[in-house]
Amino acid sequence: MFVERAEGPAAAAGLRRGDVILAVGSTPVSSVEQLLELSEQAGNSVALLVQRNNQRTYVPLQTG
């Protein structure tokens, strides 16, 4: 999933325009709905696997 805009908690976590969200934890995501569902299930924080400039990294995101 391509990040078009990062605001609020996502921006504070370090997500940037142009990032590609590949997974929530170890679960691959392919839609916003799936991302939201997995984030809600995770509780107060999740680790997003993000690809940026041909590098992959986990970004911790506070959700609650």
PDB file of N, CA and C in Angstrom:
ATOM      1  N   MET A   1       0.827  -1.167   0.000  1.00  0.00           N
ATOM      2  CA  MET A   1       0.000   0.000   0.000  1.00  0.00           C
ATOM      3  C   MET A   1       0.881   1.243   0.000  1.00  0.00           C
ATOM      4  N   PHE A   2       0.668   2.091  -0.939  1.00  0.00           N
ATOM      5  CA  PHE A   2       1.434   3.320  -1.113  1.00  0.00           C
ATOM      6  C   PHE A   2       0.896   4.402  -0.178  1.00  0.00           C
ATOM      7  N   VAL A   3       1.782   5.046   0.568  1.00  0.00           N
ATOM      8  CA  VAL A   3       1.394   6.140   1.466  1.00  0.00           C
ATOM      9  C   VAL A   3       1.381   7.433   0.671  1.00  0.00           C
ATOM     10  N   GLU A   4       0.184   8.008   0.535  1.00  0.00           N
ATOM     11  CA  GLU A   4       0.056   9.286  -0.177  1.00  0.00           C
ATOM     12  C   GLU A   4       0.222  10.473   0.751  1.00  0.00           C
ATOM     13  N   ARG A   5      -0.175  10.261   2.014  1.00  0.00           N
ATOM     14  CA  ARG A   5      -0.121  11.354   2.984  1.00  0.00           C
ATOM     15  C   ARG A   5       0.008  10.747   4.372  1.00  0.00           C
ATOM     16  N   ALA A   6       0.878  11.282   5.204  1.00  0.00           N
ATOM     17  CA  ALA A   6       1.041  10.812   6.583  1.00  0.00           C
ATOM     18  C   ALA A   6       0.739  11.965   7.525  1.00  0.00           C
ATOM     19  N   GLU A   7      -0.221  11.727   8.417  1.00  0.00           N
ATOM     20  CA  GLU A   7      -0.628  12.744   9.388  1.00  0.00           C
ATOM     21  C   GLU A   7      -0.799  12.098  10.754  1.00  0.00           C
ATOM     22  N   GLY A   8      -0.863  12.909  11.787  1.00  0.00           N
ATOM     23  CA  GLY A   8      -1.143  12.426  13.127  1.00  0.00           C
ATOM     24  C   GLY A   8      -0.148  11.373  13.595  1.00  0.00           C
ATOM     25  N   PRO A   9      -0.655  10.276  14.197  1.00  0.00           N
ATOM     26  CA  PRO A   9       0.234   9.235  14.723  1.00  0.00           C
ATOM     27  C   PRO A   9       1.149   8.627  13.658  1.00  0.00           C
ATOM     28  N   ALA A  10       0.663   8.504  12.433  1.00  0.00           N
ATOM     29  CA  ALA A  10       1.489   7.932  11.362  1.00  0.00           C
ATOM     30  C   ALA A  10       2.696   8.828  11.081  1.00  0.00           C
ATOM     31  N   ALA A  11       2.484  10.122  10.996  1.00  0.00           N
ATOM     32  CA  ALA A  11       3.592  11.058  10.769  1.00  0.00           C
ATOM     33  C   ALA A  11       4.533  11.077  11.966  1.00  0.00           C
ATOM     34  N   ALA A  12       3.961  11.044  13.173  1.00  0.00           N
ATOM     35  CA  ALA A  12       4.792  11.034  14.380  1.00  0.00           C
ATOM     36  C   ALA A  12       5.660   9.782  14.453  1.00  0.00           C
ATOM     37  N   ALA A  13       5.171   8.667  13.912  1.00  0.00           N
ATOM     38  CA  ALA A  13       5.935   7.420  13.912  1.00  0.00           C
ATOM     39  C   ALA A  13       7.045   7.433  12.866  1.00  0.00           C
ATOM     40  N   GLY A  14       6.952   8.362  11.912  1.00  0.00           N
ATOM     41  CA  GLY A  14       7.990   8.464  10.899  1.00  0.00           C
ATOM     42  C   GLY A  14       7.572   8.022   9.509  1.00  0.00           C
ATOM     43  N   LEU A  15       6.289   7.677   9.319  1.00  0.00           N
ATOM     44  CA  LEU A  15       5.843   7.344   7.970  1.00  0.00           C
ATOM     45  C   LEU A  15       5.916   8.581   7.099  1.00  0.00           C
ATOM     46  N   ARG A  16       6.251   8.374   5.833  1.00  0.00           N
ATOM     47  CA  ARG A  16       6.398   9.497   4.908  1.00  0.00           C
ATOM     48  C   ARG A  16       5.653   9.217   3.613  1.00  0.00           C
ATOM     49  N   ARG A  17       5.329  10.279   2.918  1.00  0.00           N
ATOM     50  CA  ARG A  17       4.742  10.145   1.589  1.00  0.00           C
ATOM     51  C   ARG A  17       5.710   9.351   0.723  1.00  0.00           C
ATOM     52  N   GLY A  18       5.189   8.366   0.033  1.00  0.00           N
ATOM     53  CA  GLY A  18       6.020   7.544  -0.825  1.00  0.00           C
ATOM     54  C   GLY A  18       6.410   6.208  -0.213  1.00  0.00           C
ATOM     55  N   ASP A  19       6.241   6.076   1.100  1.00  0.00           N
ATOM     56  CA  ASP A  19       6.490   4.782   1.736  1.00  0.00           C
ATOM     57  C   ASP A  19       5.488   3.766   1.218  1.00  0.00           C
ATOM     58  N   VAL A  20       5.858   2.505   1.300  1.00  0.00           N
ATOM     59  CA  VAL A  20       4.963   1.420   0.927  1.00  0.00           C
ATOM     60  C   VAL A  20       4.814   0.525   2.147  1.00  0.00           C
ATOM     61  N   ILE A  21       3.583   0.415   2.656  1.00  0.00           N
ATOM     62  CA  ILE A  21       3.316  -0.453   3.802  1.00  0.00           C
ATOM     63  C   ILE A  21       3.128  -1.865   3.271  1.00  0.00           C
ATOM     64  N   LEU A  22       3.982  -2.763   3.736  1.00  0.00           N
ATOM     65  CA  LEU A  22       3.961  -4.142   3.268  1.00  0.00           C
ATOM     66  C   LEU A  22       3.222  -5.073   4.223  1.00  0.00           C
ATOM     67  N   ALA A  23       3.320  -4.799   5.535  1.00  0.00           N
ATOM     68  CA  ALA A  23       2.737  -5.720   6.506  1.00  0.00           C
ATOM     69  C   ALA A  23       2.488  -5.021   7.830  1.00  0.00           C
ATOM     70  N   VAL A  24       1.559  -5.599   8.589  1.00  0.00           N
ATOM     71  CA  VAL A  24       1.353  -5.237   9.990  1.00  0.00           C
ATOM     72  C   VAL A  24       1.917  -6.409  10.781  1.00  0.00           C
ATOM     73  N   GLY A  25       3.009  -6.167  11.497  1.00  0.00           N
ATOM     74  CA  GLY A  25       3.723  -7.280  12.122  1.00  0.00           C
ATOM     75  C   GLY A  25       4.251  -8.182  11.020  1.00  0.00           C
ATOM     76  N   SER A  26       3.857  -9.443  11.062  1.00  0.00           N
ATOM     77  CA  SER A  26       4.305 -10.383  10.027  1.00  0.00           C
ATOM     78  C   SER A  26       3.205 -10.717   9.030  1.00  0.00           C
ATOM     79  N   THR A  27       2.062 -10.001   9.119  1.00  0.00           N
ATOM     80  CA  THR A  27       0.926 -10.269   8.237  1.00  0.00           C
ATOM     81  C   THR A  27       0.910  -9.284   7.068  1.00  0.00           C
ATOM     82  N   PRO A  28       1.084  -9.764   5.855  1.00  0.00           N
ATOM     83  CA  PRO A  28       1.046  -8.871   4.680  1.00  0.00           C
ATOM     84  C   PRO A  28      -0.318  -8.186   4.550  1.00  0.00           C
ATOM     85  N   VAL A  29      -0.306  -6.936   4.100  1.00  0.00           N
ATOM     86  CA  VAL A  29      -1.552  -6.195   3.886  1.00  0.00           C
ATOM     87  C   VAL A  29      -1.620  -5.706   2.444  1.00  0.00           C
ATOM     88  N   SER A  30      -2.858  -5.671   1.932  1.00  0.00           N
ATOM     89  CA  SER A  30      -3.050  -5.225   0.554  1.00  0.00           C
ATOM     90  C   SER A  30      -4.169  -4.209   0.422  1.00  0.00           C
ATOM     91  N   SER A  31      -4.787  -3.828   1.566  1.00  0.00           N
ATOM     92  CA  SER A  31      -5.862  -2.838   1.499  1.00  0.00           C
ATOM     93  C   SER A  31      -5.894  -2.018   2.784  1.00  0.00           C
ATOM     94  N   VAL A  32      -6.496  -0.852   2.693  1.00  0.00           N
ATOM     95  CA  VAL A  32      -6.652   0.009   3.868  1.00  0.00           C
ATOM     96  C   VAL A  32      -7.516  -0.694   4.907  1.00  0.00           C
ATOM     97  N   GLU A  33      -8.558  -1.361   4.453  1.00  0.00           N
ATOM     98  CA  GLU A  33      -9.458  -2.061   5.373  1.00  0.00           C
ATOM     99  C   GLU A  33      -8.706  -3.112   6.176  1.00  0.00           C
ATOM    100  N   GLN A  34      -7.848  -3.868   5.505  1.00  0.00           N
ATOM    101  CA  GLN A  34      -7.067  -4.906   6.177  1.00  0.00           C
ATOM    102  C   GLN A  34      -6.079  -4.265   7.163  1.00  0.00           C
ATOM    103  N   LEU A  35      -5.462  -3.175   6.773  1.00  0.00           N
ATOM    104  CA  LEU A  35      -4.543  -2.462   7.657  1.00  0.00           C
ATOM    105  C   LEU A  35      -5.257  -2.007   8.918  1.00  0.00           C
ATOM    106  N   LEU A  36      -6.432  -1.416   8.763  1.00  0.00           N
ATOM    107  CA  LEU A  36      -7.192  -0.937   9.916  1.00  0.00           C
ATOM    108  C   LEU A  36      -7.630  -2.083  10.820  1.00  0.00           C
ATOM    109  N   GLU A  37      -8.094  -3.164  10.223  1.00  0.00           N
ATOM    110  CA  GLU A  37      -8.548  -4.314  11.000  1.00  0.00           C
ATOM    111  C   GLU A  37      -7.404  -4.910  11.822  1.00  0.00           C
ATOM    112  N   LEU A  38      -6.267  -5.118  11.203  1.00  0.00           N
ATOM    113  CA  LEU A  38      -5.117  -5.678  11.918  1.00  0.00           C
ATOM    114  C   LEU A  38      -4.600  -4.719  12.984  1.00  0.00           C
ATOM    115  N   SER A  39      -4.640  -3.432  12.718  1.00  0.00           N
ATOM    116  CA  SER A  39      -4.197  -2.441  13.704  1.00  0.00           C
ATOM    117  C   SER A  39      -5.105  -2.439  14.919  1.00  0.00           C
ATOM    118  N   GLU A  40      -6.409  -2.547  14.691  1.00  0.00           N
ATOM    119  CA  GLU A  40      -7.365  -2.589  15.804  1.00  0.00           C
ATOM    120  C   GLU A  40      -7.166  -3.842  16.644  1.00  0.00           C
ATOM    121  N   GLN A  41      -6.892  -4.956  16.015  1.00  0.00           N
ATOM    122  CA  GLN A  41      -6.682  -6.217  16.724  1.00  0.00           C
ATOM    123  C   GLN A  41      -5.409  -6.189  17.560  1.00  0.00           C
ATOM    124  N   ALA A  42      -4.440  -5.411  17.145  1.00  0.00           N
ATOM    125  CA  ALA A  42      -3.136  -5.398  17.808  1.00  0.00           C
ATOM    126  C   ALA A  42      -3.156  -4.670  19.143  1.00  0.00           C
ATOM    127  N   GLY A  43      -4.112  -3.789  19.349  1.00  0.00           N
ATOM    128  CA  GLY A  43      -4.155  -3.049  20.609  1.00  0.00           C
ATOM    129  C   GLY A  43      -3.570  -1.656  20.491  1.00  0.00           C
ATOM    130  N   ASN A  44      -2.666  -1.303  21.429  1.00  0.00           N
ATOM    131  CA  ASN A  44      -2.159   0.070  21.514  1.00  0.00           C
ATOM    132  C   ASN A  44      -1.008   0.387  20.575  1.00  0.00           C
ATOM    133  N   SER A  45      -0.354  -0.632  20.053  1.00  0.00           N
ATOM    134  CA  SER A  45       0.757  -0.358  19.144  1.00  0.00           C
ATOM    135  C   SER A  45       0.919  -1.504  18.151  1.00  0.00           C
ATOM    136  N   VAL A  46       1.449  -1.153  16.991  1.00  0.00           N
ATOM    137  CA  VAL A  46       1.729  -2.136  15.944  1.00  0.00           C
ATOM    138  C   VAL A  46       3.081  -1.812  15.329  1.00  0.00           C
ATOM    139  N   ALA A  47       3.658  -2.812  14.696  1.00  0.00           N
ATOM    140  CA  ALA A  47       4.890  -2.614  13.937  1.00  0.00           C
ATOM    141  C   ALA A  47       4.542  -2.757  12.463  1.00  0.00           C
ATOM    142  N   LEU A  48       4.735  -1.694  11.714  1.00  0.00           N
ATOM    143  CA  LEU A  48       4.457  -1.715  10.284  1.00  0.00           C
ATOM    144  C   LEU A  48       5.747  -2.002   9.530  1.00  0.00           C
ATOM    145  N   LEU A  49       5.694  -2.988   8.650  1.00  0.00           N
ATOM    146  CA  LEU A  49       6.836  -3.237   7.773  1.00  0.00           C
ATOM    147  C   LEU A  49       6.690  -2.304   6.583  1.00  0.00           C
ATOM    148  N   VAL A  50       7.667  -1.414   6.415  1.00  0.00           N
ATOM    149  CA  VAL A  50       7.602  -0.357   5.412  1.00  0.00           C
ATOM    150  C   VAL A  50       8.801  -0.461   4.480  1.00  0.00           C
ATOM    151  N   GLN A  51       8.537  -0.259   3.200  1.00  0.00           N
ATOM    152  CA  GLN A  51       9.629  -0.160   2.234  1.00  0.00           C
ATOM    153  C   GLN A  51       9.795   1.297   1.847  1.00  0.00           C
ATOM    154  N   ARG A  52      11.048   1.753   1.951  1.00  0.00           N
ATOM    155  CA  ARG A  52      11.383   3.142   1.605  1.00  0.00           C
ATOM    156  C   ARG A  52      12.729   3.140   0.907  1.00  0.00           C
ATOM    157  N   ASN A  53      12.767   3.665  -0.296  1.00  0.00           N
ATOM    158  CA  ASN A  53      14.034   3.740  -1.044  1.00  0.00           C
ATOM    159  C   ASN A  53      14.747   2.385  -1.115  1.00  0.00           C
ATOM    160  N   ASN A  54      14.000   1.358  -1.485  1.00  0.00           N
ATOM    161  CA  ASN A  54      14.545   0.002  -1.654  1.00  0.00           C
ATOM    162  C   ASN A  54      15.076  -0.617  -0.367  1.00  0.00           C
ATOM    163  N   GLN A  55      14.697  -0.074   0.778  1.00  0.00           N
ATOM    164  CA  GLN A  55      15.059  -0.662   2.070  1.00  0.00           C
ATOM    165  C   GLN A  55      13.787  -0.949   2.852  1.00  0.00           C
ATOM    166  N   ARG A  56      13.809  -2.053   3.585  1.00  0.00           N
ATOM    167  CA  ARG A  56      12.663  -2.416   4.418  1.00  0.00           C
ATOM    168  C   ARG A  56      13.015  -2.219   5.880  1.00  0.00           C
ATOM    169  N   THR A  57      12.057  -1.652   6.615  1.00  0.00           N
ATOM    170  CA  THR A  57      12.257  -1.422   8.042  1.00  0.00           C
ATOM    171  C   THR A  57      10.918  -1.492   8.752  1.00  0.00           C
ATOM    172  N   TYR A  58      10.962  -1.823  10.036  1.00  0.00           N
ATOM    173  CA  TYR A  58       9.739  -1.806  10.842  1.00  0.00           C
ATOM    174  C   TYR A  58       9.604  -0.433  11.493  1.00  0.00           C
ATOM    175  N   VAL A  59       8.395   0.107  11.439  1.00  0.00           N
ATOM    176  CA  VAL A  59       8.085   1.401  12.043  1.00  0.00           C
ATOM    177  C   VAL A  59       7.063   1.147  13.156  1.00  0.00           C
ATOM    178  N   PRO A  60       7.415   1.450  14.422  1.00  0.00           N
ATOM    179  CA  PRO A  60       6.450   1.268  15.505  1.00  0.00           C
ATOM    180  C   PRO A  60       5.417   2.393  15.469  1.00  0.00           C
ATOM    181  N   LEU A  61       4.145   2.025  15.558  1.00  0.00           N
ATOM    182  CA  LEU A  61       3.055   3.003  15.483  1.00  0.00           C
ATOM    183  C   LEU A  61       2.158   2.842  16.687  1.00  0.00           C
ATOM    184  N   GLN A  62       1.963   3.922  17.441  1.00  0.00           N
ATOM    185  CA  GLN A  62       1.031   3.924  18.566  1.00  0.00           C
ATOM    186  C   GLN A  62      -0.374   4.139  18.046  1.00  0.00           C
ATOM    187  N   THR A  63      -1.273   3.207  18.343  1.00  0.00           N
ATOM    188  CA  THR A  63      -2.623   3.281  17.795  1.00  0.00           C
ATOM    189  C   THR A  63      -3.671   3.644  18.830  1.00  0.00           C
ATOM    190  N   GLY A  64      -3.341   3.544  20.102  1.00  0.00           N
ATOM    191  CA  GLY A  64      -4.376   3.764  21.122  1.00  0.00           C
ATOM    192  C   GLY A  64      -4.076   4.819  22.093  1.00  0.00           C
TER     193      GLY A  64
END
